[in-house]
C-alpha atoms as a PDB file:
ATOM      1  CA  MET A   1     -24.632 -24.943   8.256  1.00  0.00           C
ATOM      2  CA  LYS A   2     -22.338 -27.219   6.510  1.00  0.00           C
ATOM      3  CA  ASN A   3     -19.992 -28.378   9.140  1.00  0.00           C
ATOM      4  CA  VAL A   4     -18.978 -27.140  12.809  1.00  0.00           C
ATOM      5  CA  THR A   5     -15.391 -28.251  14.298  1.00  0.00           C
ATOM      6  CA  ILE A   6     -15.180 -27.510  18.060  1.00  0.00           C
ATOM      7  CA  SER A   7     -11.247 -28.089  19.279  1.00  0.00           C
ATOM      8  CA  GLN A   8      -9.110 -26.634  22.376  1.00  0.00           C
ATOM      9  CA  SER A   9      -5.896 -25.467  22.399  1.00  0.00           C
ATOM     10  CA  CYS A  10      -3.708 -24.699  25.224  1.00  0.00           C
ATOM     11  CA  GLY A  11      -6.930 -23.922  27.418  1.00  0.00           C
ATOM     12  CA  LYS A  12      -9.123 -21.913  24.927  1.00  0.00           C
ATOM     13  CA  GLY A  13     -11.494 -23.424  23.247  1.00  0.00           C
ATOM     14  CA  PHE A  14     -12.354 -22.606  19.093  1.00  0.00           C
ATOM     15  CA  VAL A  15     -15.329 -23.256  16.963  1.00  0.00           C
ATOM     16  CA  ASN A  16     -15.056 -23.145  13.108  1.00  0.00           C
ATOM     17  CA  THR A  17     -18.321 -23.136  11.187  1.00  0.00           C
ATOM     18  CA  GLN A  18     -18.322 -23.858   7.478  1.00  0.00           C
ATOM     19  CA  THR A  19     -21.787 -22.406   6.072  1.00  0.00           C
ATOM     20  CA  LYS A  20     -22.771 -22.846   1.935  1.00  0.00           C
ATOM     21  CA  TYR A  21     -24.969 -20.046   0.056  1.00  0.00           C
ATOM     22  CA  GLU A  22     -26.153 -18.827  -3.408  1.00  0.00           C
ATOM     23  CA  ALA A  23     -24.006 -15.950  -4.288  1.00  0.00           C
ATOM     24  CA  THR A  24     -25.750 -13.541  -6.462  1.00  0.00           C
ATOM     25  CA  ASP A  25     -24.430 -12.013  -9.702  1.00  0.00           C
ATOM     26  CA  PRO A  26     -23.193  -8.239  -9.109  1.00  0.00           C
ATOM     27  CA  VAL A  27     -25.115  -5.904 -11.156  1.00  0.00           C
ATOM     28  CA  CYS A  28     -23.589  -2.886 -12.796  1.00  0.00           C
ATOM     29  CA  ASN A  29     -25.838   0.226 -13.205  1.00  0.00           C
ATOM     30  CA  ALA A  30     -23.064   2.418 -15.032  1.00  0.00           C
ATOM     31  CA  GLU A  31     -24.480   4.430 -17.769  1.00  0.00           C
ATOM     32  CA  SER A  32     -20.872   4.971 -19.137  1.00  0.00           C
ATOM     33  CA  MET A  33     -17.459   3.629 -19.113  1.00  0.00           C
ATOM     34  CA  VAL A  34     -13.792   5.405 -19.120  1.00  0.00           C
ATOM     35  CA  GLY A  35     -10.733   3.901 -20.444  1.00  0.00           C
ATOM     36  CA  LEU A  36      -7.484   4.130 -18.464  1.00  0.00           C
ATOM     37  CA  ASP A  37      -4.092   3.805 -19.961  1.00  0.00           C
ATOM     38  CA  VAL A  38      -1.201   3.306 -17.897  1.00  0.00           C
ATOM     39  CA  GLY A  39       1.840   4.323 -19.326  1.00  0.00           C
ATOM     40  CA  ILE A  40       5.602   5.256 -18.216  1.00  0.00           C
ATOM     41  CA  THR A  41       5.935   9.001 -19.316  1.00  0.00           C
ATOM     42  CA  LYS A  42       2.219   9.572 -18.308  1.00  0.00           C
ATOM     43  CA  PRO A  43       0.764   7.485 -15.170  1.00  0.00           C
ATOM     44  CA  ALA A  44      -2.680   7.687 -16.832  1.00  0.00           C
ATOM     45  CA  THR A  45      -4.686   8.666 -19.638  1.00  0.00           C
ATOM     46  CA  LEU A  46      -8.720   8.147 -19.675  1.00  0.00           C
ATOM     47  CA  SER A  47     -10.578   7.669 -23.059  1.00  0.00           C
ATOM     48  CA  TYR A  48     -12.046  10.985 -23.202  1.00  0.00           C
ATOM     49  CA  GLY A  49      -8.429  12.619 -22.950  1.00  0.00           C
ATOM     50  CA  THR A  50      -7.673  13.943 -19.411  1.00  0.00           C
ATOM     51  CA  ILE A  51      -4.275  13.469 -19.065  1.00  0.00           C
ATOM     52  CA  TYR A  52      -2.850  12.888 -15.428  1.00  0.00           C
ATOM     53  CA  ALA A  53       0.898  14.426 -14.813  1.00  0.00           C
ATOM     54  CA  PRO A  54       3.437  12.145 -13.155  1.00  0.00           C
ATOM     55  CA  VAL A  55       3.942  13.224  -9.241  1.00  0.00           C
ATOM     56  CA  ASN A  56       7.761  13.058  -8.816  1.00  0.00           C
ATOM     57  CA  ARG A  57       8.057  13.449  -5.431  1.00  0.00           C
ATOM     58  CA  PHE A  58      11.816  12.287  -5.435  1.00  0.00           C
ATOM     59  CA  LYS A  59      12.975  15.641  -7.073  1.00  0.00           C
ATOM     60  CA  ALA A  60      11.248  18.006  -4.329  1.00  0.00           C
ATOM     61  CA  SER A  61      12.837  15.714  -1.527  1.00  0.00           C
ATOM     62  CA  GLN A  62      16.331  15.163  -3.043  1.00  0.00           C
ATOM     63  CA  ARG A  63      17.858  17.836  -0.767  1.00  0.00           C
ATOM     64  CA  LYS A  64      16.715  16.610   2.561  1.00  0.00           C
ATOM     65  CA  LEU A  65      17.397  12.763   1.629  1.00  0.00           C
ATOM     66  CA  ALA A  66      21.248  14.026   0.545  1.00  0.00           C
ATOM     67  CA  THR A  67      21.369  15.851   4.167  1.00  0.00           C
ATOM     68  CA  ARG A  68      20.033  12.591   6.320  1.00  0.00           C
ATOM     69  CA  GLN A  69      22.284  10.291   4.150  1.00  0.00           C
ATOM     70  CA  ARG A  70      25.084  12.474   5.102  1.00  0.00           C
ATOM     71  CA  GLN A  71      24.067  12.259   8.777  1.00  0.00           C
ATOM     72  CA  VAL A  72      23.717   8.974   8.760  1.00  0.00           C
ATOM     73  CA  ASN A  73      26.715   8.447   7.050  1.00  0.00           C
ATOM     74  CA  ARG A  74      28.914   9.492   9.942  1.00  0.00           C
ATOM     75  CA  LYS A  75      27.501   7.045  12.242  1.00  0.00           C
ATOM     76  CA  VAL A  76      29.031   4.198  13.891  1.00  0.00           C
ATOM     77  CA  LYS A  77      27.425   0.998  11.648  1.00  0.00           C
ATOM     78  CA  PHE A  78      25.580  -0.800  13.708  1.00  0.00           C
ATOM     79  CA  SER A  79      24.997   1.254  16.531  1.00  0.00           C
ATOM     80  CA  ALA A  80      21.340   2.334  18.112  1.00  0.00           C
ATOM     81  CA  ASN A  81      22.417   6.069  17.361  1.00  0.00           C
ATOM     82  CA  ARG A  82      22.354   5.101  13.324  1.00  0.00           C
ATOM     83  CA  GLN A  83      18.983   3.569  13.587  1.00  0.00           C
ATOM     84  CA  LYS A  84      17.431   6.172  15.309  1.00  0.00           C
ATOM     85  CA  PRO A  85      15.676   8.913  12.686  1.00  0.00           C
ATOM     86  CA  ALA A  86      17.600  11.857  11.372  1.00  0.00           C
ATOM     87  CA  LYS A  87      16.646  15.130  12.407  1.00  0.00           C
ATOM     88  CA  THR A  88      16.486  17.838  10.325  1.00  0.00           C
ATOM     89  CA  THR A  89      16.960  21.517  10.461  1.00  0.00           C
ATOM     90  CA  ARG A  90      14.619  22.394   8.493  1.00  0.00           C
END
């Protein structure tokens, strides 16, 4: 223990302690290493040739987004009804 501070605030007591210890260096037992290239058109390419395809979630949910935007657009601005999530028919 290096330091102990006892304090009281609003009827509650607090104890703060500071300690000092020696940290050990982390040991890495990895037998192999993999390089990772992060790009724009391909999100990830590994050093041994594996390419991960991009996940384009926007195209999959574009129709649902357009429907919900039209629903919200019909409601009065700053109303409580506009703050509620739009219900979908699908």
